[in-house]
N, C-alpha and C. Protein backbone atom coordinates (compact mmCIF):
# COMPACT_ATOMS: atom_id res chain seq x y z
N UNK A 1 0.84 -1.18 0.00
CA UNK A 1 0.00 0.00 0.00
C UNK A 1 0.89 1.24 0.00
N UNK A 2 0.50 2.21 -0.83
CA UNK A 2 1.14 3.51 -0.80
C UNK A 2 0.12 4.54 -0.33
N UNK A 3 0.60 5.72 0.02
CA UNK A 3 -0.31 6.73 0.51
C UNK A 3 -1.25 7.25 -0.57
N UNK A 4 -0.94 6.97 -1.84
CA UNK A 4 -1.86 7.35 -2.93
C UNK A 4 -3.01 6.35 -3.03
N UNK A 5 -2.95 5.29 -2.26
CA UNK A 5 -4.03 4.30 -2.23
C UNK A 5 -5.11 4.65 -1.21
N UNK A 6 -5.06 5.86 -0.67
CA UNK A 6 -6.01 6.29 0.36
C UNK A 6 -6.89 7.38 -0.23
N UNK A 7 -8.18 7.28 0.02
CA UNK A 7 -9.11 8.30 -0.43
C UNK A 7 -10.09 8.61 0.69
N UNK A 8 -10.76 9.73 0.59
CA UNK A 8 -11.85 10.04 1.51
C UNK A 8 -13.11 10.23 0.68
N UNK A 9 -14.21 9.69 1.18
CA UNK A 9 -15.48 9.74 0.48
C UNK A 9 -16.54 10.24 1.45
N UNK A 10 -17.45 11.10 0.99
CA UNK A 10 -18.48 11.63 1.90
C UNK A 10 -19.25 10.52 2.62
N UNK A 11 -19.55 10.77 3.88
CA UNK A 11 -20.26 9.83 4.74
C UNK A 11 -21.59 9.45 4.11
N UNK A 12 -21.92 8.17 4.16
CA UNK A 12 -23.16 7.66 3.57
C UNK A 12 -23.91 6.83 4.61
N UNK A 13 -25.16 6.56 4.34
CA UNK A 13 -25.98 5.78 5.26
C UNK A 13 -25.34 4.42 5.56
N UNK A 14 -24.68 3.85 4.57
CA UNK A 14 -24.04 2.53 4.74
C UNK A 14 -22.84 2.57 5.69
N UNK A 15 -22.39 3.76 6.08
CA UNK A 15 -21.23 3.87 6.97
C UNK A 15 -21.54 3.66 8.45
N UNK A 16 -22.80 3.38 8.76
CA UNK A 16 -23.15 3.06 10.15
C UNK A 16 -22.36 1.85 10.63
N UNK A 17 -22.13 0.87 9.77
CA UNK A 17 -21.36 -0.32 10.16
C UNK A 17 -19.92 0.08 10.53
N UNK A 18 -19.33 1.00 9.79
CA UNK A 18 -17.99 1.48 10.11
C UNK A 18 -18.00 2.21 11.45
N UNK A 19 -19.01 3.03 11.68
CA UNK A 19 -19.12 3.75 12.95
C UNK A 19 -19.19 2.78 14.12
N UNK A 20 -19.88 1.69 13.94
CA UNK A 20 -19.95 0.66 15.00
C UNK A 20 -18.58 0.02 15.22
N UNK A 21 -17.80 -0.17 14.17
CA UNK A 21 -16.46 -0.76 14.31
C UNK A 21 -15.50 0.19 15.02
N UNK A 22 -15.75 1.49 14.88
CA UNK A 22 -14.92 2.50 15.53
C UNK A 22 -15.28 2.63 17.01
N UNK A 23 -16.51 2.31 17.36
CA UNK A 23 -17.05 2.52 18.71
C UNK A 23 -16.64 1.41 19.68
N UNK A 24 -15.34 1.32 19.94
CA UNK A 24 -14.83 0.29 20.85
C UNK A 24 -14.07 0.96 21.99
N UNK A 25 -13.91 0.26 23.11
CA UNK A 25 -13.11 0.85 24.21
C UNK A 25 -11.71 1.26 23.75
N UNK A 26 -11.08 0.43 22.93
CA UNK A 26 -9.73 0.73 22.44
C UNK A 26 -9.70 2.02 21.61
N UNK A 27 -10.69 2.18 20.74
CA UNK A 27 -10.72 3.34 19.85
C UNK A 27 -11.19 4.61 20.56
N UNK A 28 -11.95 4.46 21.63
CA UNK A 28 -12.56 5.62 22.30
C UNK A 28 -11.94 5.91 23.67
N UNK A 29 -10.76 5.39 23.93
CA UNK A 29 -10.12 5.54 25.24
C UNK A 29 -9.85 7.00 25.59
N UNK A 30 -9.57 7.85 24.61
CA UNK A 30 -9.22 9.24 24.88
C UNK A 30 -10.42 10.19 24.83
N UNK A 31 -11.60 9.66 24.52
CA UNK A 31 -12.78 10.53 24.37
C UNK A 31 -13.98 10.02 25.16
N UNK A 32 -13.71 9.44 26.30
CA UNK A 32 -14.80 9.08 27.20
C UNK A 32 -15.39 7.70 27.03
N UNK A 33 -14.85 6.88 26.16
CA UNK A 33 -15.33 5.52 26.00
C UNK A 33 -16.41 5.39 24.93
N UNK A 34 -16.81 4.15 24.66
CA UNK A 34 -17.81 3.89 23.62
C UNK A 34 -19.15 4.54 23.93
N UNK A 35 -19.89 4.80 22.87
CA UNK A 35 -21.23 5.36 22.99
C UNK A 35 -22.26 4.23 22.96
N UNK A 36 -23.45 4.51 23.48
CA UNK A 36 -24.55 3.56 23.39
C UNK A 36 -25.02 3.48 21.95
N UNK A 37 -25.82 2.48 21.64
CA UNK A 37 -26.38 2.36 20.30
C UNK A 37 -27.22 3.59 19.95
N UNK A 38 -27.97 4.08 20.89
CA UNK A 38 -28.79 5.28 20.65
C UNK A 38 -27.90 6.48 20.33
N UNK A 39 -26.82 6.65 21.08
CA UNK A 39 -25.89 7.75 20.82
C UNK A 39 -25.23 7.61 19.45
N UNK A 40 -24.91 6.36 19.08
CA UNK A 40 -24.31 6.11 17.77
C UNK A 40 -25.26 6.50 16.64
N UNK A 41 -26.52 6.15 16.79
CA UNK A 41 -27.51 6.49 15.76
C UNK A 41 -27.66 8.00 15.63
N UNK A 42 -27.62 8.70 16.74
CA UNK A 42 -27.68 10.17 16.70
C UNK A 42 -26.43 10.73 16.00
N UNK A 43 -25.26 10.21 16.34
CA UNK A 43 -24.01 10.65 15.70
C UNK A 43 -24.06 10.38 14.20
N UNK A 44 -24.50 9.21 13.81
CA UNK A 44 -24.58 8.84 12.39
C UNK A 44 -25.50 9.82 11.65
N UNK A 45 -26.65 10.11 12.22
CA UNK A 45 -27.59 11.06 11.59
C UNK A 45 -26.95 12.45 11.48
N UNK A 46 -26.22 12.84 12.51
CA UNK A 46 -25.55 14.15 12.48
C UNK A 46 -24.50 14.18 11.37
N UNK A 47 -23.73 13.11 11.23
CA UNK A 47 -22.72 13.04 10.16
C UNK A 47 -23.38 13.15 8.79
N UNK A 48 -24.51 12.47 8.62
CA UNK A 48 -25.22 12.53 7.35
C UNK A 48 -25.74 13.93 7.05
N UNK A 49 -26.00 14.70 8.10
CA UNK A 49 -26.56 16.04 7.95
C UNK A 49 -25.50 17.14 7.85
N UNK A 50 -24.22 16.82 8.04
CA UNK A 50 -23.18 17.84 8.02
C UNK A 50 -23.23 18.68 6.74
N UNK A 51 -23.23 18.03 5.58
CA UNK A 51 -23.20 18.76 4.31
C UNK A 51 -24.51 19.49 4.06
N UNK A 52 -25.67 18.81 4.14
CA UNK A 52 -26.92 19.54 3.88
C UNK A 52 -27.15 20.73 4.80
N UNK A 53 -26.69 20.64 6.05
CA UNK A 53 -26.89 21.74 6.98
C UNK A 53 -25.81 22.80 6.87
N UNK A 54 -24.74 22.51 6.11
CA UNK A 54 -23.68 23.47 5.90
C UNK A 54 -22.69 23.60 7.04
N UNK A 55 -22.66 22.62 7.96
CA UNK A 55 -21.76 22.75 9.10
C UNK A 55 -20.41 22.07 8.90
N UNK A 56 -20.24 21.30 7.83
CA UNK A 56 -18.96 20.63 7.60
C UNK A 56 -19.14 19.42 6.72
N UNK A 57 -18.26 18.46 6.90
CA UNK A 57 -18.35 17.22 6.14
C UNK A 57 -17.64 16.10 6.88
N UNK A 58 -18.27 14.95 6.96
CA UNK A 58 -17.64 13.75 7.51
C UNK A 58 -17.34 12.83 6.33
N UNK A 59 -16.20 12.16 6.41
CA UNK A 59 -15.76 11.28 5.34
C UNK A 59 -15.44 9.89 5.87
N UNK A 60 -15.63 8.92 5.03
CA UNK A 60 -15.13 7.56 5.24
C UNK A 60 -13.73 7.53 4.64
N UNK A 61 -12.76 7.01 5.36
CA UNK A 61 -11.43 6.78 4.81
C UNK A 61 -11.46 5.40 4.17
N UNK A 62 -11.04 5.34 2.91
CA UNK A 62 -11.11 4.06 2.18
C UNK A 62 -9.79 3.80 1.48
N UNK A 63 -9.50 2.50 1.33
CA UNK A 63 -8.31 2.08 0.60
C UNK A 63 -8.70 1.76 -0.84
N UNK A 64 -7.87 2.17 -1.76
CA UNK A 64 -8.08 1.87 -3.18
C UNK A 64 -7.29 0.63 -3.54
N UNK A 65 -7.71 -0.15 -4.51
CA UNK A 65 -8.76 0.15 -5.46
C UNK A 65 -10.16 -0.29 -5.03
N UNK A 66 -10.26 -1.11 -4.00
CA UNK A 66 -11.56 -1.70 -3.67
C UNK A 66 -12.48 -0.85 -2.82
N UNK A 67 -11.95 0.19 -2.19
CA UNK A 67 -12.79 1.05 -1.36
C UNK A 67 -13.04 0.52 0.03
N UNK A 68 -12.16 -0.36 0.53
CA UNK A 68 -12.34 -0.92 1.87
C UNK A 68 -12.32 0.19 2.92
N UNK A 69 -13.37 0.31 3.75
CA UNK A 69 -13.39 1.36 4.77
C UNK A 69 -12.44 1.04 5.91
N UNK A 70 -11.60 2.03 6.28
CA UNK A 70 -10.61 1.81 7.33
C UNK A 70 -10.67 2.87 8.43
N UNK A 71 -11.60 3.83 8.30
CA UNK A 71 -11.71 4.85 9.32
C UNK A 71 -12.58 6.01 8.88
N UNK A 72 -12.51 7.08 9.67
CA UNK A 72 -13.30 8.28 9.37
C UNK A 72 -12.45 9.51 9.65
N UNK A 73 -12.79 10.59 8.98
CA UNK A 73 -12.17 11.90 9.21
C UNK A 73 -13.19 12.94 8.79
N UNK A 74 -13.20 14.06 9.48
CA UNK A 74 -14.14 15.09 9.07
C UNK A 74 -14.09 16.29 9.99
N UNK A 75 -14.92 17.26 9.64
CA UNK A 75 -14.96 18.48 10.42
C UNK A 75 -16.39 18.98 10.52
N UNK A 76 -16.66 19.61 11.64
CA UNK A 76 -17.95 20.22 11.89
C UNK A 76 -17.73 21.62 12.44
N UNK A 77 -18.80 22.30 12.73
CA UNK A 77 -18.74 23.68 13.21
C UNK A 77 -19.00 23.73 14.70
N UNK A 78 -18.27 24.60 15.39
CA UNK A 78 -18.46 24.81 16.82
C UNK A 78 -18.06 26.24 17.16
N UNK A 79 -18.46 26.67 18.32
CA UNK A 79 -18.00 27.96 18.84
C UNK A 79 -16.82 27.68 19.75
N UNK A 80 -15.72 28.38 19.52
CA UNK A 80 -14.52 28.22 20.32
C UNK A 80 -13.98 29.61 20.65
N UNK A 81 -13.99 29.89 21.94
CA UNK A 81 -13.48 31.17 22.44
C UNK A 81 -14.17 32.36 21.74
N UNK A 82 -15.50 32.24 21.61
CA UNK A 82 -16.30 33.32 21.06
C UNK A 82 -16.29 33.44 19.56
N UNK A 83 -15.68 32.50 18.87
CA UNK A 83 -15.56 32.55 17.41
C UNK A 83 -16.11 31.25 16.81
N UNK A 84 -16.74 31.34 15.67
CA UNK A 84 -17.21 30.13 14.98
C UNK A 84 -16.05 29.56 14.18
N UNK A 85 -15.73 28.32 14.45
CA UNK A 85 -14.60 27.63 13.81
C UNK A 85 -15.06 26.24 13.38
N UNK A 86 -14.19 25.57 12.66
CA UNK A 86 -14.40 24.16 12.36
C UNK A 86 -13.52 23.33 13.29
N UNK A 87 -14.04 22.17 13.66
CA UNK A 87 -13.29 21.23 14.50
C UNK A 87 -13.16 19.92 13.73
N UNK A 88 -11.94 19.40 13.67
CA UNK A 88 -11.67 18.17 12.93
C UNK A 88 -11.37 17.02 13.88
N UNK A 89 -11.78 15.83 13.47
CA UNK A 89 -11.45 14.61 14.20
C UNK A 89 -11.28 13.47 13.22
N UNK A 90 -10.66 12.38 13.67
CA UNK A 90 -10.42 11.21 12.82
C UNK A 90 -10.33 9.97 13.68
N UNK A 91 -10.53 8.85 13.02
CA UNK A 91 -10.38 7.52 13.63
C UNK A 91 -9.88 6.58 12.55
N UNK A 92 -8.88 5.78 12.87
CA UNK A 92 -8.41 4.73 11.96
C UNK A 92 -8.49 3.42 12.73
N UNK A 93 -9.09 2.42 12.11
CA UNK A 93 -9.24 1.12 12.77
C UNK A 93 -7.88 0.58 13.19
N UNK A 94 -7.81 -0.12 14.33
CA UNK A 94 -6.52 -0.55 14.89
C UNK A 94 -5.61 -1.30 13.93
N UNK A 95 -6.17 -2.16 13.10
CA UNK A 95 -5.33 -2.95 12.21
C UNK A 95 -4.69 -2.12 11.09
N UNK A 96 -5.08 -0.85 10.95
CA UNK A 96 -4.53 0.04 9.93
C UNK A 96 -3.75 1.20 10.53
N UNK A 97 -3.61 1.23 11.84
CA UNK A 97 -2.88 2.31 12.49
C UNK A 97 -1.38 2.15 12.28
N UNK A 98 -0.67 3.28 12.31
CA UNK A 98 0.78 3.26 12.18
C UNK A 98 1.28 3.17 10.75
N UNK A 99 0.39 3.31 9.78
CA UNK A 99 0.75 3.20 8.36
C UNK A 99 0.72 4.54 7.63
N UNK A 100 0.43 5.62 8.34
CA UNK A 100 0.35 6.93 7.71
C UNK A 100 -1.03 7.27 7.15
N UNK A 101 -2.00 6.38 7.37
CA UNK A 101 -3.34 6.59 6.82
C UNK A 101 -4.00 7.82 7.44
N UNK A 102 -3.91 7.97 8.75
CA UNK A 102 -4.56 9.11 9.41
C UNK A 102 -3.98 10.43 8.93
N UNK A 103 -2.68 10.51 8.77
CA UNK A 103 -2.05 11.75 8.31
C UNK A 103 -2.51 12.07 6.89
N UNK A 104 -2.47 11.09 6.01
CA UNK A 104 -2.89 11.31 4.62
C UNK A 104 -4.35 11.71 4.55
N UNK A 105 -5.21 10.99 5.25
CA UNK A 105 -6.64 11.30 5.22
C UNK A 105 -6.91 12.68 5.82
N UNK A 106 -6.20 13.04 6.88
CA UNK A 106 -6.38 14.36 7.48
C UNK A 106 -5.94 15.45 6.52
N UNK A 107 -4.83 15.26 5.84
CA UNK A 107 -4.40 16.24 4.83
C UNK A 107 -5.45 16.39 3.73
N UNK A 108 -6.01 15.27 3.28
CA UNK A 108 -7.06 15.32 2.25
C UNK A 108 -8.28 16.09 2.76
N UNK A 109 -8.65 15.85 4.00
CA UNK A 109 -9.81 16.54 4.58
C UNK A 109 -9.53 18.02 4.78
N UNK A 110 -8.32 18.38 5.16
CA UNK A 110 -7.95 19.80 5.29
C UNK A 110 -8.03 20.46 3.92
N UNK A 111 -7.54 19.79 2.89
CA UNK A 111 -7.64 20.35 1.53
C UNK A 111 -9.09 20.56 1.13
N UNK A 112 -9.94 19.60 1.44
CA UNK A 112 -11.37 19.74 1.14
C UNK A 112 -11.97 20.90 1.92
N UNK A 113 -11.58 21.05 3.18
CA UNK A 113 -12.09 22.16 3.99
C UNK A 113 -11.64 23.50 3.41
N UNK A 114 -10.44 23.56 2.88
CA UNK A 114 -9.97 24.81 2.25
C UNK A 114 -10.89 25.20 1.09
N UNK A 115 -11.40 24.22 0.37
CA UNK A 115 -12.29 24.50 -0.76
C UNK A 115 -13.72 24.79 -0.33
N UNK A 116 -14.18 24.14 0.75
CA UNK A 116 -15.61 24.13 1.05
C UNK A 116 -16.02 24.78 2.37
N UNK A 117 -15.11 24.89 3.31
CA UNK A 117 -15.48 25.35 4.66
C UNK A 117 -15.87 26.82 4.66
N UNK A 118 -16.71 27.16 5.60
CA UNK A 118 -17.24 28.52 5.69
C UNK A 118 -16.46 29.41 6.65
N UNK A 119 -15.59 28.82 7.45
CA UNK A 119 -14.89 29.59 8.47
C UNK A 119 -13.38 29.50 8.25
N UNK A 120 -12.66 30.47 8.78
CA UNK A 120 -11.23 30.59 8.51
C UNK A 120 -10.40 29.51 9.20
N UNK A 121 -10.77 29.17 10.43
CA UNK A 121 -9.90 28.29 11.20
C UNK A 121 -10.50 26.90 11.40
N UNK A 122 -9.60 25.94 11.36
CA UNK A 122 -9.93 24.54 11.60
C UNK A 122 -9.07 24.09 12.78
N UNK A 123 -9.71 23.61 13.83
CA UNK A 123 -9.00 23.17 15.04
C UNK A 123 -9.11 21.66 15.21
N UNK A 124 -8.18 21.10 15.95
CA UNK A 124 -8.26 19.73 16.45
C UNK A 124 -7.84 19.79 17.91
N UNK A 125 -8.48 18.98 18.74
CA UNK A 125 -8.26 19.03 20.19
C UNK A 125 -7.94 17.66 20.78
N UNK A 126 -6.88 17.00 20.32
CA UNK A 126 -6.55 15.70 20.91
C UNK A 126 -6.08 15.84 22.35
N UNK A 127 -6.40 14.85 23.14
CA UNK A 127 -5.94 14.79 24.53
C UNK A 127 -4.41 14.88 24.56
N UNK A 128 -3.88 15.53 25.58
CA UNK A 128 -2.43 15.57 25.74
C UNK A 128 -1.87 14.16 25.96
N UNK A 129 -2.74 13.24 26.37
CA UNK A 129 -2.35 11.84 26.60
C UNK A 129 -2.47 10.97 25.36
N UNK A 130 -2.70 11.58 24.19
CA UNK A 130 -2.87 10.83 22.96
C UNK A 130 -1.74 11.21 21.98
N UNK A 131 -0.57 10.61 22.15
CA UNK A 131 0.57 10.99 21.30
C UNK A 131 0.33 10.73 19.82
N UNK A 132 -0.42 9.69 19.47
CA UNK A 132 -0.65 9.39 18.06
C UNK A 132 -1.45 10.50 17.38
N UNK A 133 -2.53 10.95 18.00
CA UNK A 133 -3.33 12.01 17.38
C UNK A 133 -2.59 13.34 17.37
N UNK A 134 -1.79 13.61 18.38
CA UNK A 134 -0.99 14.82 18.36
C UNK A 134 0.05 14.77 17.24
N UNK A 135 0.61 13.61 16.99
CA UNK A 135 1.56 13.46 15.88
C UNK A 135 0.87 13.65 14.53
N UNK A 136 -0.37 13.18 14.40
CA UNK A 136 -1.13 13.40 13.17
C UNK A 136 -1.26 14.90 12.92
N UNK A 137 -1.62 15.65 13.95
CA UNK A 137 -1.76 17.11 13.80
C UNK A 137 -0.46 17.74 13.31
N UNK A 138 0.64 17.38 13.94
CA UNK A 138 1.93 17.97 13.57
C UNK A 138 2.30 17.61 12.13
N UNK A 139 2.11 16.36 11.74
CA UNK A 139 2.48 15.91 10.40
C UNK A 139 1.52 16.41 9.32
N UNK A 140 0.29 16.74 9.71
CA UNK A 140 -0.71 17.18 8.73
C UNK A 140 -0.72 18.69 8.56
N UNK A 141 0.17 19.40 9.24
CA UNK A 141 0.31 20.83 9.00
C UNK A 141 -0.42 21.74 9.96
N UNK A 142 -0.92 21.22 11.07
CA UNK A 142 -1.55 22.05 12.09
C UNK A 142 -0.46 22.75 12.91
N UNK A 143 -0.79 23.90 13.45
CA UNK A 143 0.10 24.63 14.36
C UNK A 143 -0.41 24.45 15.78
N UNK A 144 0.50 24.14 16.70
CA UNK A 144 0.13 23.95 18.10
C UNK A 144 0.00 25.30 18.77
N UNK A 145 -1.20 25.58 19.32
CA UNK A 145 -1.45 26.84 20.02
C UNK A 145 -1.22 26.70 21.52
N UNK A 146 -1.25 25.47 22.04
CA UNK A 146 -1.02 25.25 23.46
C UNK A 146 -2.01 24.28 24.05
N UNK A 147 -1.95 24.15 25.38
CA UNK A 147 -2.86 23.26 26.10
C UNK A 147 -4.12 24.02 26.48
N UNK A 148 -5.23 23.28 26.57
CA UNK A 148 -6.49 23.88 26.95
C UNK A 148 -7.38 22.82 27.60
N UNK A 149 -8.30 23.26 28.41
CA UNK A 149 -9.32 22.35 28.93
C UNK A 149 -10.43 22.30 27.88
N UNK A 150 -10.76 21.10 27.45
CA UNK A 150 -11.71 20.94 26.35
C UNK A 150 -12.81 19.98 26.77
N UNK A 151 -14.02 20.29 26.42
CA UNK A 151 -15.17 19.46 26.78
C UNK A 151 -15.53 18.54 25.62
N UNK A 152 -15.28 17.25 25.81
CA UNK A 152 -15.70 16.24 24.85
C UNK A 152 -15.60 14.88 25.51
N UNK A 153 -16.66 14.10 25.41
CA UNK A 153 -18.00 14.48 24.97
C UNK A 153 -18.61 15.47 25.97
N UNK A 154 -19.80 15.99 25.63
CA UNK A 154 -20.43 16.96 26.53
C UNK A 154 -20.48 16.44 27.97
N UNK A 155 -20.06 17.31 28.90
CA UNK A 155 -20.05 16.94 30.31
C UNK A 155 -18.75 16.35 30.79
N UNK A 156 -17.80 16.09 29.88
CA UNK A 156 -16.50 15.51 30.25
C UNK A 156 -15.39 16.44 29.78
N UNK A 157 -14.61 16.94 30.73
CA UNK A 157 -13.51 17.84 30.40
C UNK A 157 -12.20 17.07 30.42
N UNK A 158 -11.34 17.43 29.49
CA UNK A 158 -10.03 16.81 29.42
C UNK A 158 -8.99 17.87 29.06
N UNK A 159 -7.74 17.61 29.41
CA UNK A 159 -6.65 18.47 29.03
C UNK A 159 -6.25 18.09 27.60
N UNK A 160 -6.36 19.05 26.70
CA UNK A 160 -6.10 18.80 25.28
C UNK A 160 -5.08 19.78 24.75
N UNK A 161 -4.54 19.42 23.60
CA UNK A 161 -3.76 20.37 22.83
C UNK A 161 -4.71 21.03 21.85
N UNK A 162 -4.54 22.32 21.64
CA UNK A 162 -5.31 23.07 20.66
C UNK A 162 -4.42 23.26 19.43
N UNK A 163 -4.74 22.52 18.38
CA UNK A 163 -4.02 22.60 17.12
C UNK A 163 -4.91 23.36 16.13
N UNK A 164 -4.30 24.14 15.24
CA UNK A 164 -5.10 24.95 14.32
C UNK A 164 -4.45 25.03 12.94
N UNK A 165 -5.33 25.06 11.93
CA UNK A 165 -4.94 25.33 10.55
C UNK A 165 -5.69 26.57 10.11
N UNK A 166 -5.00 27.49 9.48
CA UNK A 166 -5.63 28.67 8.86
C UNK A 166 -6.04 28.26 7.45
N UNK A 167 -7.33 28.10 7.23
CA UNK A 167 -7.82 27.62 5.93
C UNK A 167 -7.66 28.65 4.82
N UNK A 168 -7.37 29.89 5.17
CA UNK A 168 -7.18 30.92 4.14
C UNK A 168 -5.78 30.84 3.54
N UNK A 169 -4.89 30.11 4.18
CA UNK A 169 -3.51 29.96 3.67
C UNK A 169 -3.40 28.71 2.84
N UNK A 170 -2.66 28.78 1.77
CA UNK A 170 -2.48 27.61 0.90
C UNK A 170 -1.06 27.12 0.87
N UNK A 171 -0.18 27.69 1.68
CA UNK A 171 1.23 27.26 1.68
C UNK A 171 1.47 26.07 2.55
């Protein structure tokens, strides 16, 4: 596999199965643990509504040529420090981690956000205890703004790094 064998495709109704594969204790250790089935269905519906509602886009990460789903990446809209920004997140299934897939998919999603996003800044807030996601941010071109207390999921605060990309810049 080469990094050109990775693509991102807009989230579809059939991606609920992928969302269930991502919803494991191992995959959700840094974000409060797995969600209930009801919470997953709400998340899936929200992902499907990102584009029609204009708040962002969620993507399935797929391997070419067959399109095997290996994770997700995307961005939505939130208020951060009094400003409307985009927030990005990603997940790569354990058997595909460590291969550069998350970095490549994140770069592809940042490029898409540069074309389509409505706001200037795109942030990511990985836990300070998540070295892999922090490395993705650094390798994908985000700038580290510092540590912050971040609420995710709602009602759960964690110490995170605040990484940011200026979507108005193309360098």
